[in-house]
Amino acid sequence: MKIAVLCGGVSPEREVSLSSGDAVTKGLREAGHDAEFCDISSIRGFIRDWENGKIKAEGVFIALHGGWGEDGRIQAVLEAFEIPYTGSGPEACMFSMDKTAAKLAFKNAGIPTPEGFIASRENAGLKKAEEFLAKYGKIIVKPNGGGSTVGVTQLTDLDSYQSALELSWQSEPNALVEQFIEGDEITVPVWESERGTEALPAIHIKPKSGFYDYKNKYTHGCTEYICPGDFSPEITEKLAELGTACHNALGCRIYSRADFRLSPEGELYALEVNTAPGMTGTSLVPKAAKCSGMDFPLFLDKVVKNSFSLKR
């Protein structure tokens, strides 16, 4: 098929998106498709190019991260113009992008998630942050609608609270201040195969120093990834169960990636769901797919075919 790979965008995750777009374009070509790399800077511009025939394809692969690439806006426009696209629909993207909304959906589905609150310039939540620190010992401050670990800070006191908020607000107006869960970082890719919705192997994420920040996430050699995760059979089974539960709770389709923390007491907490997860050389979904027997081109081929066959 002729496929337009949408990437770039205007969010703080632009560079990661370009890397994903490059990898996806190459992978789709290896799978036998005619893939076109499309660095787009506006939805309107893309639709104009599509309508006037500058971009000709049977559908699009969404490799846009952050901003309107993951908040449901481009998905809604693509549906309005009846353009097939990969992944979840606009509603699922919107709820997944808004971490506070996602946490509410998790709670309603009985999925454990850390306690948190929104901090804005109008209400920075200083007193609430002080209460959280007294109760939990450590908090994490991050953009409520961002990804790729951009603008994330861990705090054990209030000295740097304002600067952490300022960093988060560079990405968007609302920061999520959350209980920090000590323990292991884990991610669970989920996809919809011929057998139904199922979890791919969980990945144990082990940074060699510090926490899983932007540097450790995107610098080769800074983090060890164990796939399948080296957990007990009980935890492995629970991760698969919760990963698919998160996918379903938000109404995701085709594929997603759910992030978790595992406490020293063995309790699992859902952090967020990514509806357009990274597809770079260090990305996690390709690692899990390979671990389950699918190389990157085959996985992309299945995602495209399953997505384009949907009636939206």
C-alpha atoms as a PDB file:
ATOM      1  CA  MET A   1       0.000   0.000   0.000  1.00  0.00           C
ATOM      2  CA  LYS A   2       0.930   3.638  -0.400  1.00  0.00           C
ATOM      3  CA  ILE A   3       1.213   5.036   3.143  1.00  0.00           C
ATOM      4  CA  ALA A   4       1.946   8.567   4.337  1.00  0.00           C
ATOM      5  CA  VAL A   5       3.931   8.535   7.588  1.00  0.00           C
ATOM      6  CA  LEU A   6       2.962  11.640   9.570  1.00  0.00           C
ATOM      7  CA  CYS A   7       5.655  12.900  11.935  1.00  0.00           C
ATOM      8  CA  GLY A   8       7.355  16.049  13.193  1.00  0.00           C
ATOM      9  CA  GLY A   9       4.623  18.375  14.363  1.00  0.00           C
ATOM     10  CA  VAL A  10       5.149  21.357  16.637  1.00  0.00           C
ATOM     11  CA  SER A  11       5.206  19.822  20.134  1.00  0.00           C
ATOM     12  CA  PRO A  12       8.263  19.537  22.437  1.00  0.00           C
ATOM     13  CA  GLU A  13       8.447  15.915  21.230  1.00  0.00           C
ATOM     14  CA  ARG A  14       9.117  16.954  17.630  1.00  0.00           C
ATOM     15  CA  GLU A  15      12.640  15.495  17.431  1.00  0.00           C
ATOM     16  CA  VAL A  16      11.526  12.148  18.841  1.00  0.00           C
ATOM     17  CA  SER A  17       8.626  12.134  16.376  1.00  0.00           C
ATOM     18  CA  LEU A  18      10.974  12.717  13.449  1.00  0.00           C
ATOM     19  CA  SER A  19      13.071   9.748  14.587  1.00  0.00           C
ATOM     20  CA  SER A  20       9.942   7.612  14.876  1.00  0.00           C
ATOM     21  CA  GLY A  21       8.790   8.731  11.436  1.00  0.00           C
ATOM     22  CA  ASP A  22      12.127   7.828   9.885  1.00  0.00           C
ATOM     23  CA  ALA A  23      12.133   4.375  11.508  1.00  0.00           C
ATOM     24  CA  VAL A  24       8.504   3.678  10.562  1.00  0.00           C
ATOM     25  CA  THR A  25       9.065   4.783   6.962  1.00  0.00           C
ATOM     26  CA  LYS A  26      12.032   2.429   6.614  1.00  0.00           C
ATOM     27  CA  GLY A  27      10.204  -0.409   8.370  1.00  0.00           C
ATOM     28  CA  LEU A  28       7.125  -0.118   6.171  1.00  0.00           C
ATOM     29  CA  ARG A  29       9.309  -0.131   3.065  1.00  0.00           C
ATOM     30  CA  GLU A  30      11.001  -3.298   4.315  1.00  0.00           C
ATOM     31  CA  ALA A  31       7.514  -4.791   4.706  1.00  0.00           C
ATOM     32  CA  GLY A  32       6.833  -4.075   1.034  1.00  0.00           C
ATOM     33  CA  HIS A  33       4.817  -0.869   1.318  1.00  0.00           C
ATOM     34  CA  ASP A  34       5.390   2.407  -0.525  1.00  0.00           C
ATOM     35  CA  ALA A  35       5.873   4.686   2.496  1.00  0.00           C
ATOM     36  CA  GLU A  36       6.313   8.457   2.265  1.00  0.00           C
ATOM     37  CA  PHE A  37       7.979  10.401   5.107  1.00  0.00           C
ATOM     38  CA  CYS A  38       5.808  13.481   5.842  1.00  0.00           C
ATOM     39  CA  ASP A  39       7.170  16.117   8.236  1.00  0.00           C
ATOM     40  CA  ILE A  40       4.048  18.202   8.861  1.00  0.00           C
ATOM     41  CA  SER A  41       3.762  21.506  10.700  1.00  0.00           C
ATOM     42  CA  SER A  42      -0.016  21.939  10.681  1.00  0.00           C
ATOM     43  CA  ILE A  43      -3.131  19.826  10.288  1.00  0.00           C
ATOM     44  CA  ARG A  44      -4.601  22.328   7.843  1.00  0.00           C
ATOM     45  CA  GLY A  45      -1.480  22.203   5.694  1.00  0.00           C
ATOM     46  CA  PHE A  46      -1.544  18.408   5.594  1.00  0.00           C
ATOM     47  CA  ILE A  47      -5.221  18.305   4.587  1.00  0.00           C
ATOM     48  CA  ARG A  48      -4.573  20.915   1.883  1.00  0.00           C
ATOM     49  CA  ASP A  49      -1.721  18.789   0.500  1.00  0.00           C
ATOM     50  CA  TRP A  50      -3.911  15.685   0.667  1.00  0.00           C
ATOM     51  CA  GLU A  51      -6.838  17.370  -1.092  1.00  0.00           C
ATOM     52  CA  ASN A  52      -4.765  18.873  -3.899  1.00  0.00           C
ATOM     53  CA  GLY A  53      -2.942  15.590  -4.513  1.00  0.00           C
ATOM     54  CA  LYS A  54       0.499  16.669  -3.297  1.00  0.00           C
ATOM     55  CA  ILE A  55       0.313  13.744  -0.869  1.00  0.00           C
ATOM     56  CA  LYS A  56      -1.183  10.623  -2.421  1.00  0.00           C
ATOM     57  CA  ALA A  57      -1.730   7.574  -0.223  1.00  0.00           C
ATOM     58  CA  GLU A  58      -4.285   4.982   0.838  1.00  0.00           C
ATOM     59  CA  GLY A  59      -3.972   6.079   4.451  1.00  0.00           C
ATOM     60  CA  VAL A  60      -1.614   7.455   7.070  1.00  0.00           C
ATOM     61  CA  PHE A  61       0.589   6.047   9.810  1.00  0.00           C
ATOM     62  CA  ILE A  62       0.526   8.414  12.792  1.00  0.00           C
ATOM     63  CA  ALA A  63       4.037   8.808  14.204  1.00  0.00           C
ATOM     64  CA  LEU A  64       3.274  12.203  15.745  1.00  0.00           C
ATOM     65  CA  HIS A  65       4.014  12.449  19.461  1.00  0.00           C
ATOM     66  CA  GLY A  66       2.511  15.008  21.817  1.00  0.00           C
ATOM     67  CA  GLY A  67       0.298  17.969  20.937  1.00  0.00           C
ATOM     68  CA  TRP A  68      -2.307  17.443  18.258  1.00  0.00           C
ATOM     69  CA  GLY A  69      -0.653  14.204  17.213  1.00  0.00           C
ATOM     70  CA  GLU A  70      -1.850  12.414  20.341  1.00  0.00           C
ATOM     71  CA  ASP A  71      -4.665  14.518  21.802  1.00  0.00           C
ATOM     72  CA  GLY A  72      -7.253  13.382  19.255  1.00  0.00           C
ATOM     73  CA  ARG A  73      -7.309  16.457  17.038  1.00  0.00           C
ATOM     74  CA  ILE A  74      -5.644  15.001  13.971  1.00  0.00           C
ATOM     75  CA  GLN A  75      -7.587  11.753  14.391  1.00  0.00           C
ATOM     76  CA  ALA A  76     -10.873  13.707  14.392  1.00  0.00           C
ATOM     77  CA  VAL A  77      -9.872  15.598  11.232  1.00  0.00           C
ATOM     78  CA  LEU A  78      -8.780  12.404   9.468  1.00  0.00           C
ATOM     79  CA  GLU A  79     -12.132  10.830  10.261  1.00  0.00           C
ATOM     80  CA  ALA A  80     -13.973  13.903   8.990  1.00  0.00           C
ATOM     81  CA  PHE A  81     -12.137  13.571   5.655  1.00  0.00           C
ATOM     82  CA  GLU A  82     -12.535   9.760   5.675  1.00  0.00           C
ATOM     83  CA  ILE A  83      -8.791   9.182   5.598  1.00  0.00           C
ATOM     84  CA  PRO A  84      -7.739   5.810   7.086  1.00  0.00           C
ATOM     85  CA  TYR A  85      -5.150   6.084   9.867  1.00  0.00           C
ATOM     86  CA  THR A  86      -3.373   3.892  12.387  1.00  0.00           C
ATOM     87  CA  GLY A  87      -4.176   3.491  16.043  1.00  0.00           C
ATOM     88  CA  SER A  88      -6.814   4.777  18.418  1.00  0.00           C
ATOM     89  CA  GLY A  89      -9.686   7.128  17.695  1.00  0.00           C
ATOM     90  CA  PRO A  90     -10.001  10.752  18.814  1.00  0.00           C
ATOM     91  CA  GLU A  91     -11.786  10.084  22.095  1.00  0.00           C
ATOM     92  CA  ALA A  92      -9.269   7.512  23.336  1.00  0.00           C
ATOM     93  CA  CYS A  93      -6.377   9.773  22.321  1.00  0.00           C
ATOM     94  CA  MET A  94      -7.915  12.734  24.126  1.00  0.00           C
ATOM     95  CA  PHE A  95      -8.433  10.830  27.364  1.00  0.00           C
ATOM     96  CA  SER A  96      -5.011   9.186  27.216  1.00  0.00           C
ATOM     97  CA  MET A  97      -3.233  12.488  26.564  1.00  0.00           C
ATOM     98  CA  ASP A  98      -4.918  14.112  29.567  1.00  0.00           C
ATOM     99  CA  LYS A  99      -3.199  12.220  32.385  1.00  0.00           C
ATOM    100  CA  THR A 100      -5.741  13.378  34.979  1.00  0.00           C
ATOM    101  CA  ALA A 101      -8.639  12.134  32.846  1.00  0.00           C
ATOM    102  CA  ALA A 102      -6.803   8.853  32.276  1.00  0.00           C
ATOM    103  CA  LYS A 103      -6.254   8.418  36.019  1.00  0.00           C
ATOM    104  CA  LEU A 104      -9.982   8.918  36.589  1.00  0.00           C
ATOM    105  CA  ALA A 105     -10.738   6.242  33.992  1.00  0.00           C
ATOM    106  CA  PHE A 106      -8.249   3.917  35.700  1.00  0.00           C
ATOM    107  CA  LYS A 107      -9.890   4.439  39.071  1.00  0.00           C
ATOM    108  CA  ASN A 108     -13.348   3.836  37.620  1.00  0.00           C
ATOM    109  CA  ALA A 109     -12.058   0.551  36.165  1.00  0.00           C
ATOM    110  CA  GLY A 110     -10.491  -0.491  39.474  1.00  0.00           C
ATOM    111  CA  ILE A 111      -6.924  -0.017  38.214  1.00  0.00           C
ATOM    112  CA  PRO A 112      -4.521   1.272  40.903  1.00  0.00           C
ATOM    113  CA  THR A 113      -2.877   4.612  40.066  1.00  0.00           C
ATOM    114  CA  PRO A 114      -0.818   7.115  42.123  1.00  0.00           C
ATOM    115  CA  GLU A 115      -2.586  10.015  43.806  1.00  0.00           C
ATOM    116  CA  GLY A 116      -2.126  13.356  42.104  1.00  0.00           C
ATOM    117  CA  PHE A 117      -3.468  16.853  41.506  1.00  0.00           C
ATOM    118  CA  ILE A 118      -3.271  19.616  38.898  1.00  0.00           C
ATOM    119  CA  ALA A 119      -1.043  22.675  39.469  1.00  0.00           C
ATOM    120  CA  SER A 120      -1.510  25.768  37.302  1.00  0.00           C
ATOM    121  CA  ARG A 121      -0.240  29.344  37.447  1.00  0.00           C
ATOM    122  CA  GLU A 122      -3.567  30.356  38.975  1.00  0.00           C
ATOM    123  CA  ASN A 123      -3.336  27.632  41.623  1.00  0.00           C
ATOM    124  CA  ALA A 124       0.138  26.170  42.105  1.00  0.00           C
ATOM    125  CA  GLY A 125      -1.022  23.861  44.886  1.00  0.00           C
ATOM    126  CA  LEU A 126       1.835  24.647  47.271  1.00  0.00           C
ATOM    127  CA  LYS A 127      -0.068  23.485  50.353  1.00  0.00           C
ATOM    128  CA  LYS A 128      -1.199  20.304  48.619  1.00  0.00           C
ATOM    129  CA  ALA A 129       2.369  19.578  47.490  1.00  0.00           C
ATOM    130  CA  GLU A 130       3.557  20.027  51.068  1.00  0.00           C
ATOM    131  CA  GLU A 131       0.907  17.538  52.220  1.00  0.00           C
ATOM    132  CA  PHE A 132       1.969  15.040  49.558  1.00  0.00           C
ATOM    133  CA  LEU A 133       5.630  15.329  50.558  1.00  0.00           C
ATOM    134  CA  ALA A 134       4.758  14.792  54.215  1.00  0.00           C
ATOM    135  CA  LYS A 135       2.663  11.749  53.328  1.00  0.00           C
ATOM    136  CA  TYR A 136       4.724  10.136  50.549  1.00  0.00           C
ATOM    137  CA  GLY A 137       8.270  11.512  50.961  1.00  0.00           C
ATOM    138  CA  LYS A 138       8.730  12.174  47.243  1.00  0.00           C
ATOM    139  CA  ILE A 139       6.628  13.680  44.471  1.00  0.00           C
ATOM    140  CA  ILE A 140       6.980  13.952  40.715  1.00  0.00           C
ATOM    141  CA  VAL A 141       6.037  17.016  38.672  1.00  0.00           C
ATOM    142  CA  LYS A 142       5.286  16.605  34.952  1.00  0.00           C
ATOM    143  CA  PRO A 143       3.154  18.089  32.167  1.00  0.00           C
ATOM    144  CA  ASN A 144      -0.409  16.835  32.393  1.00  0.00           C
ATOM    145  CA  GLY A 145      -0.556  16.299  28.650  1.00  0.00           C
ATOM    146  CA  GLY A 146       3.035  15.654  27.604  1.00  0.00           C
ATOM    147  CA  GLY A 147       5.176  12.636  26.950  1.00  0.00           C
ATOM    148  CA  SER A 148       8.734  11.463  26.237  1.00  0.00           C
ATOM    149  CA  THR A 149       9.641  12.470  29.821  1.00  0.00           C
ATOM    150  CA  VAL A 150       9.869  16.118  28.755  1.00  0.00           C
ATOM    151  CA  GLY A 151       9.625  18.586  31.667  1.00  0.00           C
ATOM    152  CA  VAL A 152       9.651  15.955  34.431  1.00  0.00           C
ATOM    153  CA  THR A 153      11.171  16.562  37.895  1.00  0.00           C
ATOM    154  CA  GLN A 154      11.392  14.465  41.060  1.00  0.00           C
ATOM    155  CA  LEU A 155      11.290  16.306  44.391  1.00  0.00           C
ATOM    156  CA  THR A 156      11.855  15.398  48.033  1.00  0.00           C
ATOM    157  CA  ASP A 157      11.300  18.945  49.354  1.00  0.00           C
ATOM    158  CA  LEU A 158       9.639  22.201  48.311  1.00  0.00           C
ATOM    159  CA  ASP A 159      12.846  24.122  47.573  1.00  0.00           C
ATOM    160  CA  SER A 160      12.668  23.424  43.828  1.00  0.00           C
ATOM    161  CA  TYR A 161       8.893  23.068  43.554  1.00  0.00           C
ATOM    162  CA  GLN A 162       8.339  26.366  41.733  1.00  0.00           C
ATOM    163  CA  SER A 163      11.181  25.767  39.278  1.00  0.00           C
ATOM    164  CA  ALA A 164       9.818  22.260  38.605  1.00  0.00           C
ATOM    165  CA  LEU A 165       6.429  23.769  37.822  1.00  0.00           C
ATOM    166  CA  GLU A 166       8.000  26.375  35.537  1.00  0.00           C
ATOM    167  CA  LEU A 167       9.786  23.615  33.630  1.00  0.00           C
ATOM    168  CA  SER A 168       6.550  21.665  33.236  1.00  0.00           C
ATOM    169  CA  TRP A 169       4.600  24.767  32.210  1.00  0.00           C
ATOM    170  CA  GLN A 170       6.981  25.293  29.306  1.00  0.00           C
ATOM    171  CA  SER A 171       5.188  22.355  27.665  1.00  0.00           C
ATOM    172  CA  GLU A 172       1.619  23.192  28.672  1.00  0.00           C
ATOM    173  CA  PRO A 173      -0.410  25.238  31.225  1.00  0.00           C
ATOM    174  CA  ASN A 174      -1.195  22.372  33.598  1.00  0.00           C
ATOM    175  CA  ALA A 175       1.286  20.321  35.600  1.00  0.00           C
ATOM    176  CA  LEU A 176       0.424  17.004  37.222  1.00  0.00           C
ATOM    177  CA  VAL A 177       1.873  16.709  40.722  1.00  0.00           C
ATOM    178  CA  GLU A 178       1.854  13.066  41.688  1.00  0.00           C
ATOM    179  CA  GLN A 179       2.803  10.692  44.457  1.00  0.00           C
ATOM    180  CA  PHE A 180       6.119   9.119  43.476  1.00  0.00           C
ATOM    181  CA  ILE A 181       6.108   5.328  43.629  1.00  0.00           C
ATOM    182  CA  GLU A 182       9.498   3.925  44.533  1.00  0.00           C
ATOM    183  CA  GLY A 183      10.400   0.729  42.754  1.00  0.00           C
ATOM    184  CA  ASP A 184      10.657  -0.630  39.228  1.00  0.00           C
ATOM    185  CA  GLU A 185       9.680   1.050  35.967  1.00  0.00           C
ATOM    186  CA  ILE A 186       7.751  -1.216  33.613  1.00  0.00           C
ATOM    187  CA  THR A 187       5.936  -0.809  30.326  1.00  0.00           C
ATOM    188  CA  VAL A 188       3.384  -3.130  28.732  1.00  0.00           C
ATOM    189  CA  PRO A 189       2.617  -2.788  25.008  1.00  0.00           C
ATOM    190  CA  VAL A 190      -0.861  -3.959  24.056  1.00  0.00           C
ATOM    191  CA  TRP A 191      -2.183  -4.770  20.617  1.00  0.00           C
ATOM    192  CA  GLU A 192      -5.269  -6.157  18.946  1.00  0.00           C
ATOM    193  CA  SER A 193      -4.429  -9.304  17.031  1.00  0.00           C
ATOM    194  CA  GLU A 194      -6.545 -11.941  15.344  1.00  0.00           C
ATOM    195  CA  ARG A 195      -7.003 -13.446  18.824  1.00  0.00           C
ATOM    196  CA  GLY A 196      -8.340 -10.215  20.323  1.00  0.00           C
ATOM    197  CA  THR A 197      -6.752  -7.642  22.638  1.00  0.00           C
ATOM    198  CA  GLU A 198      -3.616  -9.010  24.252  1.00  0.00           C
ATOM    199  CA  ALA A 199      -0.489  -7.821  26.016  1.00  0.00           C
ATOM    200  CA  LEU A 200       2.939  -8.152  24.453  1.00  0.00           C
ATOM    201  CA  PRO A 201       5.795  -9.089  26.815  1.00  0.00           C
ATOM    202  CA  ALA A 202       6.325  -6.579  29.630  1.00  0.00           C
ATOM    203  CA  ILE A 203       9.617  -4.682  29.632  1.00  0.00           C
ATOM    204  CA  HIS A 204      11.593  -4.007  32.804  1.00  0.00           C
ATOM    205  CA  ILE A 205      13.252  -0.590  32.410  1.00  0.00           C
ATOM    206  CA  LYS A 206      16.471  -0.156  34.397  1.00  0.00           C
ATOM    207  CA  PRO A 207      18.349   3.170  33.983  1.00  0.00           C
ATOM    208  CA  LYS A 208      22.035   2.804  34.804  1.00  0.00           C
ATOM    209  CA  SER A 209      21.898   6.029  36.827  1.00  0.00           C
ATOM    210  CA  GLY A 210      19.161   8.355  38.035  1.00  0.00           C
ATOM    211  CA  PHE A 211      15.591   7.875  36.846  1.00  0.00           C
ATOM    212  CA  TYR A 212      14.120   7.230  33.415  1.00  0.00           C
ATOM    213  CA  ASP A 213      14.384  10.813  32.173  1.00  0.00           C
ATOM    214  CA  TYR A 214      14.762  12.140  28.615  1.00  0.00           C
ATOM    215  CA  LYS A 215      18.524  11.477  28.559  1.00  0.00           C
ATOM    216  CA  ASN A 216      18.202   7.900  29.807  1.00  0.00           C
ATOM    217  CA  LYS A 217      15.272   7.257  27.474  1.00  0.00           C
ATOM    218  CA  TYR A 218      16.854   8.438  24.236  1.00  0.00           C
ATOM    219  CA  THR A 219      20.607   7.988  24.734  1.00  0.00           C
ATOM    220  CA  HIS A 220      21.861   4.608  23.580  1.00  0.00           C
ATOM    221  CA  GLY A 221      23.424   2.590  26.397  1.00  0.00           C
ATOM    222  CA  CYS A 222      22.043   4.644  29.296  1.00  0.00           C
ATOM    223  CA  THR A 223      19.265   2.179  30.143  1.00  0.00           C
ATOM    224  CA  GLU A 224      18.985  -1.589  30.311  1.00  0.00           C
ATOM    225  CA  TYR A 225      15.776  -3.096  28.935  1.00  0.00           C
ATOM    226  CA  ILE A 226      14.860  -6.594  30.068  1.00  0.00           C
ATOM    227  CA  CYS A 227      12.267  -8.220  27.807  1.00  0.00           C
ATOM    228  CA  PRO A 228      10.460 -10.284  28.805  1.00  0.00           C
ATOM    229  CA  GLY A 229      10.610  -8.695  32.243  1.00  0.00           C
ATOM    230  CA  ASP A 230      12.352 -10.650  35.001  1.00  0.00           C
ATOM    231  CA  PHE A 231       9.303 -10.789  37.266  1.00  0.00           C
ATOM    232  CA  SER A 232       7.510 -13.583  39.067  1.00  0.00           C
ATOM    233  CA  PRO A 233       4.786 -15.436  37.137  1.00  0.00           C
ATOM    234  CA  GLU A 234       2.189 -13.718  39.331  1.00  0.00           C
ATOM    235  CA  ILE A 235       3.469 -10.195  38.569  1.00  0.00           C
ATOM    236  CA  THR A 236       3.890 -11.039  34.868  1.00  0.00           C
ATOM    237  CA  GLU A 237       0.294 -12.229  34.673  1.00  0.00           C
ATOM    238  CA  LYS A 238      -0.947  -9.164  36.569  1.00  0.00           C
ATOM    239  CA  LEU A 239       0.961  -6.814  34.237  1.00  0.00           C
ATOM    240  CA  ALA A 240      -0.685  -8.392  31.187  1.00  0.00           C
ATOM    241  CA  GLU A 241      -4.085  -8.114  32.852  1.00  0.00           C
ATOM    242  CA  LEU A 242      -3.630  -4.470  33.849  1.00  0.00           C
ATOM    243  CA  GLY A 243      -2.074  -3.492  30.510  1.00  0.00           C
ATOM    244  CA  THR A 244      -5.116  -4.717  28.581  1.00  0.00           C
ATOM    245  CA  ALA A 245      -7.420  -3.224  31.254  1.00  0.00           C
ATOM    246  CA  CYS A 246      -5.835   0.216  30.731  1.00  0.00           C
ATOM    247  CA  HIS A 247      -6.147  -0.132  26.947  1.00  0.00           C
ATOM    248  CA  ASN A 248      -9.833  -1.011  27.272  1.00  0.00           C
ATOM    249  CA  ALA A 249     -10.622   1.540  29.999  1.00  0.00           C
ATOM    250  CA  LEU A 250      -9.604   4.367  27.667  1.00  0.00           C
ATOM    251  CA  GLY A 251     -11.219   2.858  24.579  1.00  0.00           C
ATOM    252  CA  CYS A 252      -7.925   2.395  22.720  1.00  0.00           C
ATOM    253  CA  ARG A 253      -7.731   0.536  19.424  1.00  0.00           C
ATOM    254  CA  ILE A 254      -5.120  -1.447  17.478  1.00  0.00           C
ATOM    255  CA  TYR A 255      -2.160  -0.800  19.814  1.00  0.00           C
ATOM    256  CA  SER A 256      -1.047   1.210  22.829  1.00  0.00           C
ATOM    257  CA  ARG A 257       1.554   1.147  25.588  1.00  0.00           C
ATOM    258  CA  ALA A 258       0.770   1.309  29.304  1.00  0.00           C
ATOM    259  CA  ASP A 259       3.409   2.445  31.813  1.00  0.00           C
ATOM    260  CA  PHE A 260       3.563   1.116  35.375  1.00  0.00           C
ATOM    261  CA  ARG A 261       5.520   1.303  38.610  1.00  0.00           C
ATOM    262  CA  LEU A 262       6.046  -1.778  40.783  1.00  0.00           C
ATOM    263  CA  SER A 263       6.540  -0.907  44.457  1.00  0.00           C
ATOM    264  CA  PRO A 264       8.929  -2.826  46.749  1.00  0.00           C
ATOM    265  CA  GLU A 265       5.789  -4.320  48.351  1.00  0.00           C
ATOM    266  CA  GLY A 266       4.764  -5.824  45.021  1.00  0.00           C
ATOM    267  CA  GLU A 267       1.950  -3.366  44.254  1.00  0.00           C
ATOM    268  CA  LEU A 268       1.451  -2.236  40.647  1.00  0.00           C
ATOM    269  CA  TYR A 269       0.370   1.311  39.754  1.00  0.00           C
ATOM    270  CA  ALA A 270      -0.700   2.488  36.291  1.00  0.00           C
ATOM    271  CA  LEU A 271       0.867   5.805  35.295  1.00  0.00           C
ATOM    272  CA  GLU A 272      -0.399   6.514  31.776  1.00  0.00           C
ATOM    273  CA  VAL A 273      -1.196   5.097  28.352  1.00  0.00           C
ATOM    274  CA  ASN A 274       0.460   6.143  25.090  1.00  0.00           C
ATOM    275  CA  THR A 275      -1.739   5.881  22.001  1.00  0.00           C
ATOM    276  CA  ALA A 276       1.096   6.771  19.590  1.00  0.00           C
ATOM    277  CA  PRO A 277       4.125   5.319  21.376  1.00  0.00           C
ATOM    278  CA  GLY A 278       7.661   5.926  20.177  1.00  0.00           C
ATOM    279  CA  MET A 279       8.989   3.963  17.228  1.00  0.00           C
ATOM    280  CA  THR A 280      12.669   4.968  17.366  1.00  0.00           C
ATOM    281  CA  GLY A 281      15.687   2.687  17.566  1.00  0.00           C
ATOM    282  CA  THR A 282      15.438   2.678  21.372  1.00  0.00           C
ATOM    283  CA  SER A 283      11.633   2.484  21.562  1.00  0.00           C
ATOM    284  CA  LEU A 284       9.833  -0.107  23.617  1.00  0.00           C
ATOM    285  CA  VAL A 285       6.963  -1.367  21.480  1.00  0.00           C
ATOM    286  CA  PRO A 286       9.345  -2.694  18.782  1.00  0.00           C
ATOM    287  CA  LYS A 287      11.368  -4.450  21.514  1.00  0.00           C
ATOM    288  CA  ALA A 288       8.277  -6.208  22.882  1.00  0.00           C
ATOM    289  CA  ALA A 289       7.056  -7.129  19.392  1.00  0.00           C
ATOM    290  CA  LYS A 290      10.435  -8.661  18.566  1.00  0.00           C
ATOM    291  CA  CYS A 291      10.386 -10.573  21.851  1.00  0.00           C
ATOM    292  CA  SER A 292       7.020 -12.075  20.873  1.00  0.00           C
ATOM    293  CA  GLY A 293       8.336 -13.175  17.468  1.00  0.00           C
ATOM    294  CA  MET A 294       7.479 -10.191  15.245  1.00  0.00           C
ATOM    295  CA  ASP A 295      10.224  -8.126  13.697  1.00  0.00           C
ATOM    296  CA  PHE A 296       9.599  -4.400  13.275  1.00  0.00           C
ATOM    297  CA  PRO A 297       8.441  -4.493   9.622  1.00  0.00           C
ATOM    298  CA  LEU A 298       5.998  -7.334  10.328  1.00  0.00           C
ATOM    299  CA  PHE A 299       4.557  -5.529  13.359  1.00  0.00           C
ATOM    300  CA  LEU A 300       4.103  -2.312  11.360  1.00  0.00           C
ATOM    301  CA  ASP A 301       2.467  -4.270   8.548  1.00  0.00           C
ATOM    302  CA  LYS A 302      -0.049  -5.789  10.959  1.00  0.00           C
ATOM    303  CA  VAL A 303      -0.765  -2.405  12.585  1.00  0.00           C
ATOM    304  CA  VAL A 304      -1.456  -0.821   9.184  1.00  0.00           C
ATOM    305  CA  LYS A 305      -3.647  -3.624   7.879  1.00  0.00           C
ATOM    306  CA  ASN A 306      -5.644  -3.936  11.112  1.00  0.00           C
ATOM    307  CA  SER A 307      -6.086  -0.162  11.335  1.00  0.00           C
ATOM    308  CA  PHE A 308      -7.132   0.411   7.745  1.00  0.00           C
ATOM    309  CA  SER A 309      -9.705  -2.375   7.913  1.00  0.00           C
ATOM    310  CA  LEU A 310     -11.566  -0.672  10.779  1.00  0.00           C
ATOM    311  CA  LYS A 311     -14.920   0.988  10.201  1.00  0.00           C
ATOM    312  CA  ARG A 312     -14.637   4.259  12.110  1.00  0.00           C
END
